[in-house]
Protein backbone atom coordinates (compact mmCIF):
# COMPACT_ATOMS: atom_id res chain seq x y z
CA MET A 1 10.53 8.50 -14.67
CA ILE A 2 9.63 8.17 -11.13
CA LEU A 3 9.92 4.05 -11.62
CA GLN A 4 13.58 4.03 -11.09
CA ASP A 5 13.46 6.35 -8.39
CA THR A 6 13.07 4.63 -4.61
CA TYR A 7 13.01 5.58 -1.12
CA THR A 8 15.25 3.57 1.78
CA LEU A 9 13.42 1.97 4.65
CA ALA A 10 14.40 2.22 7.71
CA ASN A 11 16.76 -1.36 7.72
CA GLY A 12 18.67 0.15 4.13
CA VAL A 13 16.38 -1.56 1.82
CA GLU A 14 15.28 0.51 -1.06
CA ILE A 15 11.47 0.45 -2.10
CA PRO A 16 10.12 1.96 -5.69
CA LYS A 17 8.90 5.18 -5.10
CA LEU A 18 5.77 3.84 -7.19
CA GLY A 19 3.56 0.70 -7.00
CA LEU A 20 1.15 -1.72 -9.06
CA GLY A 21 -1.93 -2.38 -6.55
CA THR A 22 -3.61 -5.41 -7.43
CA TRP A 23 -6.69 -5.05 -5.16
CA MET A 24 -9.60 -6.93 -6.97
CA ILE A 25 -7.90 -8.00 -9.53
CA PRO A 26 -9.06 -11.26 -10.18
CA ASP A 27 -6.23 -13.94 -9.83
CA HIS A 28 -6.26 -15.61 -13.25
CA GLU A 29 -5.87 -12.07 -14.22
CA THR A 30 -2.84 -10.91 -12.42
CA ALA A 31 -0.05 -12.60 -13.91
CA ARG A 32 -0.41 -10.50 -16.99
CA ALA A 33 -1.38 -7.55 -15.41
CA VAL A 34 2.24 -7.84 -13.52
CA GLN A 35 4.11 -8.72 -16.74
CA GLU A 36 2.55 -5.86 -18.54
CA ALA A 37 3.63 -3.43 -15.56
CA VAL A 38 7.15 -4.77 -15.32
CA ALA A 39 7.40 -4.33 -18.84
CA ILE A 40 6.48 -0.61 -18.70
CA GLY A 41 8.93 -0.37 -15.84
CA TYR A 42 7.27 -1.00 -12.73
CA ARG A 43 9.39 -2.80 -9.97
CA HIS A 44 7.02 -2.57 -7.46
CA ILE A 45 3.95 -5.15 -7.19
CA ASP A 46 1.56 -5.16 -3.79
CA THR A 47 -0.90 -7.79 -3.25
CA ALA A 48 -2.40 -9.31 -0.08
CA GLN A 49 -3.60 -12.34 1.11
CA ALA A 50 -7.04 -11.35 1.41
CA TYR A 51 -6.76 -10.13 -2.55
CA ALA A 52 -6.77 -14.01 -3.17
CA ASN A 53 -4.30 -13.34 -6.14
CA GLU A 54 -1.19 -13.78 -4.56
CA ALA A 55 -0.72 -17.40 -6.61
CA GLY A 56 -0.87 -14.59 -9.83
CA VAL A 57 1.28 -12.21 -8.69
CA GLY A 58 3.84 -14.96 -7.90
CA VAL A 59 3.50 -16.03 -11.84
CA GLY A 60 3.75 -13.01 -13.18
CA VAL A 61 7.31 -11.99 -11.23
CA ARG A 62 8.57 -15.45 -11.98
CA THR A 63 7.40 -15.11 -15.83
CA CYS A 64 8.03 -11.60 -16.17
CA GLY A 65 11.71 -11.51 -17.89
CA VAL A 66 13.06 -9.46 -15.24
CA PRO A 67 15.43 -10.91 -12.64
CA ARG A 68 13.49 -11.66 -9.42
CA GLU A 69 16.15 -9.33 -7.32
CA ASN A 70 14.90 -6.22 -9.63
CA ILE A 71 11.20 -6.48 -8.49
CA PHE A 72 9.76 -5.55 -4.98
CA VAL A 73 7.16 -7.39 -3.94
CA THR A 74 4.81 -6.69 -0.92
CA THR A 75 1.97 -9.25 0.60
CA LYS A 76 -0.14 -8.59 3.70
CA LEU A 77 -0.95 -10.43 6.61
CA ALA A 78 -4.52 -11.15 6.82
CA ALA A 79 -6.73 -8.51 9.32
CA GLU A 80 -7.98 -11.78 11.14
CA VAL A 81 -4.63 -13.03 12.02
CA LYS A 82 -3.93 -12.12 15.51
CA SER A 83 -1.65 -14.98 17.16
CA TYR A 84 1.48 -16.08 16.90
CA ASP A 85 0.97 -19.31 15.56
CA GLU A 86 -1.48 -18.55 13.01
CA ALA A 87 0.81 -15.32 11.64
CA ILE A 88 3.68 -18.39 11.19
CA ARG A 89 1.46 -20.12 9.23
CA SER A 90 0.25 -17.58 7.16
CA ILE A 91 3.48 -16.35 6.13
CA ASP A 92 4.73 -19.38 5.18
CA GLY A 93 1.40 -19.50 3.16
CA SER A 94 2.14 -16.57 1.25
CA LEU A 95 5.55 -18.07 0.16
CA GLN A 96 4.42 -21.22 -1.00
CA ALA A 97 1.17 -19.11 -2.72
CA LEU A 98 3.89 -16.87 -4.32
CA GLY A 99 6.13 -19.52 -4.81
CA LEU A 100 8.93 -17.35 -4.23
CA GLU A 101 11.81 -18.19 -1.63
CA THR A 102 11.93 -15.01 -0.39
CA ILE A 103 8.70 -12.00 0.31
CA ASP A 104 10.46 -8.15 -0.39
CA MET A 105 8.27 -6.89 2.56
CA MET A 106 5.11 -8.48 4.61
CA ILE A 107 2.94 -6.23 6.77
CA ILE A 108 -0.26 -6.73 8.73
CA HIS A 109 -3.09 -5.82 6.96
CA SER A 110 -5.20 -3.99 9.52
CA PRO A 111 -4.82 -3.98 13.27
CA GLN A 112 -8.63 -5.28 13.90
CA PRO A 113 -10.16 -7.93 11.73
CA TRP A 114 -12.24 -6.65 9.07
CA MET A 115 -15.54 -7.22 10.75
CA GLN A 116 -14.34 -5.11 13.57
CA PHE A 117 -12.72 -2.52 12.22
CA GLY A 118 -13.31 0.66 13.82
CA ALA A 119 -14.41 -0.84 16.87
CA THR A 120 -12.92 -0.26 20.36
CA ASP A 121 -11.11 -3.32 20.33
CA ARG A 122 -7.74 -2.30 19.17
CA PHE A 123 -6.48 -6.04 19.52
CA LEU A 124 -3.21 -4.89 20.80
CA GLU A 125 -1.98 -7.90 22.44
CA GLY A 126 -2.85 -10.06 19.08
CA ASN A 127 -0.67 -7.32 17.10
CA ARG A 128 1.88 -7.67 19.27
CA GLU A 129 1.72 -11.46 18.30
CA ALA A 130 1.17 -10.87 14.48
CA TRP A 131 4.58 -8.73 14.79
CA ARG A 132 6.54 -10.91 16.75
CA ALA A 133 5.79 -13.68 14.01
CA LEU A 134 7.33 -10.75 11.22
CA GLU A 135 9.86 -10.58 13.19
CA ASP A 136 11.32 -14.07 13.31
CA ALA A 137 10.28 -14.47 10.05
CA TYR A 138 12.34 -11.21 8.98
CA ARG A 139 15.31 -12.69 10.93
CA ALA A 140 15.26 -15.79 9.40
CA GLY A 141 15.44 -14.08 5.93
CA LYS A 142 12.15 -15.00 5.02
CA LEU A 143 11.23 -11.20 4.62
CA ARG A 144 13.30 -8.23 3.48
CA ALA A 145 11.21 -6.02 5.12
CA ILE A 146 8.37 -5.76 7.65
CA GLY A 147 5.50 -3.11 8.46
CA VAL A 148 1.61 -2.12 8.98
CA SER A 149 -1.53 -1.34 7.69
CA ASN A 150 -4.35 0.84 8.62
CA PHE A 151 -2.37 1.35 11.76
CA GLN A 152 -3.35 4.46 13.93
CA GLN A 153 -1.10 6.29 16.46
CA VAL A 154 -2.39 3.97 19.06
CA ASP A 155 -1.46 0.96 16.97
CA LEU A 156 1.69 1.92 16.58
CA GLU A 157 2.33 3.37 19.57
CA ASN A 158 1.54 -0.35 20.93
CA LEU A 159 4.02 -2.18 18.70
CA LEU A 160 7.19 0.60 19.48
CA GLY A 161 6.75 0.10 22.54
CA SER A 162 7.41 -3.77 22.47
CA CYS A 163 9.01 -4.24 18.94
CA THR A 164 12.82 -5.73 18.80
CA VAL A 165 12.21 -4.74 14.95
CA ARG A 166 10.62 -1.56 14.02
CA PRO A 167 7.83 -1.24 11.59
CA MET A 168 9.28 0.28 8.34
CA VAL A 169 6.18 1.01 6.62
CA ASN A 170 2.53 2.00 7.80
CA GLN A 171 0.23 1.74 4.45
CA ILE A 172 -2.75 3.83 4.76
CA LEU A 173 -5.68 5.44 2.80
CA ALA A 174 -4.28 8.68 2.02
CA HIS A 175 -5.22 11.03 -0.90
CA ILE A 176 -6.69 14.60 -2.06
CA SER A 177 -9.70 15.44 0.00
CA ASN A 178 -8.60 12.45 2.64
CA THR A 179 -5.17 13.38 3.86
CA PRO A 180 -4.60 12.03 7.67
CA ALA A 181 -1.94 14.92 8.16
CA ALA A 182 -1.56 14.24 12.01
CA LEU A 183 -1.11 10.62 11.36
CA ILE A 184 1.18 10.98 8.53
CA ARG A 185 3.45 13.33 10.67
CA TYR A 186 3.60 10.73 13.17
CA THR A 187 4.63 7.89 11.37
CA GLN A 188 6.99 9.64 9.29
CA GLU A 189 8.89 11.23 12.50
CA GLN A 190 8.90 7.64 13.92
CA GLY A 191 10.80 6.90 10.44
CA ILE A 192 8.37 5.03 9.12
CA LEU A 193 7.41 5.24 5.43
CA VAL A 194 3.68 5.96 4.71
CA GLU A 195 2.24 4.25 1.65
CA ALA A 196 -0.85 5.53 0.21
CA TYR A 197 -3.41 2.99 -0.92
CA SER A 198 -6.16 4.00 -3.10
CA PRO A 199 -4.43 7.52 -4.25
CA ILE A 200 -7.54 8.41 -6.71
CA ALA A 201 -9.90 7.75 -3.93
CA HIS A 202 -11.41 4.46 -5.72
CA GLY A 203 -12.01 6.73 -8.69
CA GLN A 204 -14.04 9.31 -6.99
CA LEU A 205 -11.70 12.06 -7.43
CA MET A 206 -12.50 11.76 -11.19
CA LYS A 207 -15.78 13.17 -10.22
CA ASN A 208 -14.74 16.53 -8.36
CA GLU A 209 -14.73 19.44 -10.30
CA GLN A 210 -11.91 21.43 -8.01
CA VAL A 211 -9.72 18.53 -8.88
CA THR A 212 -10.79 17.66 -12.51
CA THR A 213 -9.74 22.04 -12.79
CA MET A 214 -6.64 21.77 -11.03
CA ALA A 215 -5.61 18.74 -13.21
CA ALA A 216 -6.66 20.29 -16.45
CA LYS A 217 -4.65 23.37 -14.86
CA TYR A 218 -1.38 21.04 -15.43
CA GLY A 219 -2.52 19.48 -18.67
CA VAL A 220 -2.56 16.30 -16.53
CA THR A 221 -5.27 13.40 -15.84
CA VAL A 222 -6.94 13.36 -12.27
CA PRO A 223 -4.91 10.20 -11.43
CA GLN A 224 -1.60 12.08 -12.45
CA LEU A 225 -2.34 14.61 -10.28
CA SER A 226 -3.17 12.67 -7.22
CA ILE A 227 -0.37 10.42 -7.38
CA ARG A 228 1.78 13.53 -7.69
CA TYR A 229 0.34 15.00 -5.05
CA ASP A 230 0.95 12.15 -2.34
CA LEU A 231 4.68 11.74 -4.24
CA GLN A 232 5.15 15.44 -2.74
CA LEU A 233 3.99 14.75 0.58
CA GLY A 234 6.59 11.93 0.87
CA LEU A 235 4.07 9.14 0.36
CA LEU A 236 4.54 5.96 -1.29
CA PRO A 237 1.31 5.83 -3.75
CA LEU A 238 -0.10 2.30 -5.16
CA PRO A 239 -2.12 2.95 -7.90
CA LYS A 240 -4.57 -0.10 -8.87
CA THR A 241 -5.12 -1.17 -12.51
CA ALA A 242 -4.89 -4.06 -14.56
CA ASN A 243 -4.92 -1.20 -17.75
CA PRO A 244 -1.50 -1.19 -19.68
CA ALA A 245 -2.26 2.45 -20.95
CA HIS A 246 -3.39 3.38 -17.17
CA MET A 247 -0.29 2.06 -15.87
CA LYS A 248 1.97 4.05 -18.14
CA SER A 249 -0.21 7.38 -17.39
CA ASN A 250 0.00 6.81 -13.45
CA ALA A 251 4.09 7.11 -14.13
CA ASP A 252 4.24 10.14 -15.97
CA VAL A 253 4.39 12.19 -12.90
CA ASP A 254 7.40 14.48 -13.83
CA PHE A 255 5.57 17.99 -12.57
CA VAL A 256 5.37 19.78 -9.88
CA ILE A 257 2.30 21.19 -8.09
CA SER A 258 2.82 24.47 -6.19
CA ASN A 259 2.77 24.94 -3.01
CA ASP A 260 -0.56 26.90 -3.13
CA ASP A 261 -2.14 24.31 -5.08
CA MET A 262 -1.06 21.50 -2.27
CA ALA A 263 -2.63 23.41 0.36
CA VAL A 264 -5.83 23.68 -1.65
CA LEU A 265 -5.76 19.97 -2.26
CA GLN A 266 -4.75 19.43 1.23
CA ASN A 267 -7.99 21.26 2.43
CA LEU A 268 -10.43 20.21 0.14
CA PRO A 269 -13.91 18.63 1.90
CA GLN A 270 -13.81 14.87 2.50
CA ILE A 271 -15.39 12.80 0.08
CA GLU A 272 -18.32 10.99 1.53
CA ASP A 273 -19.24 8.26 -1.20
CA TYR A 274 -16.63 6.04 -2.26
CA GLY A 275 -19.03 4.51 -4.59
CA GLU A 276 -18.61 0.83 -4.91
CA ALA A 277 -16.03 0.65 -2.25
CA ARG A 278 -18.21 2.58 0.25
CA ASN A 279 -19.21 -0.91 2.02
CA MET A 280 -15.39 -1.56 2.72
CA PRO A 281 -14.41 -1.02 6.30
CA VAL A 282 -11.92 1.07 5.37
CA PHE A 283 -14.10 3.45 3.40
CA GLY A 284 -16.23 3.75 6.76
CA GLY A 285 -18.59 0.59 5.75
CA LYS A 286 -18.30 -2.99 6.67
CA LEU A 287 -18.28 -5.81 4.76
CA SER A 288 -21.42 -7.93 3.78
């Protein structure tokens, strides 16, 4: 099963190839979601300061019955944190909220504060300062790996030109009908693993006739096809769900999409409406 497979980060740390996303799972429900995911076989949990559920994730990890060293926990530095001192405080805050001595990976959630997402200012200096804090926490043993999220090539180049520890991952929006090929290629050429959040396009791929037809051809669900698609591109998908049945189904991706069908899926028209997520900055809107 895919749950037993790993990628190896640039620093030699192994990270499970499929993770459980926890975006919009309320804190009081997150511990149970983590426990159920671990019982199914998941060993990779993704959270963030912005999700306001780090505490629940920590409870789930500490009470799931699996040794801590066998669970890979990722969290994210809030997008608004763009100074060294604030980043240091935020890193320690996440350690405290999670109740863990070490976080397996911490990443900058966005190169721009959410309310400035997509604006001209790339906050280059602020990102260098936040990154310096992650580097120091990494060297101090508080973090086993460090990375970024939603970074474009210019943002990556900004860090690569000044860092002492290179980013190990870039977590981006990447799914059928929205696959930023140039960014993925550049990132992978730098030895940086690409993680794919919202691999099912916040559920919108379920409404796409070409995708549903392709899934039927392979005898799989749309989420399974979508997750397999990202895996075949060398990405690490992070489907979000609190439903144990969906968790189990999402991990049942032991099939191969043909090269011809991959090409079709890569060239589908981009989704223009992400439903309830349409106002999120990463989906083209703005937070209210």
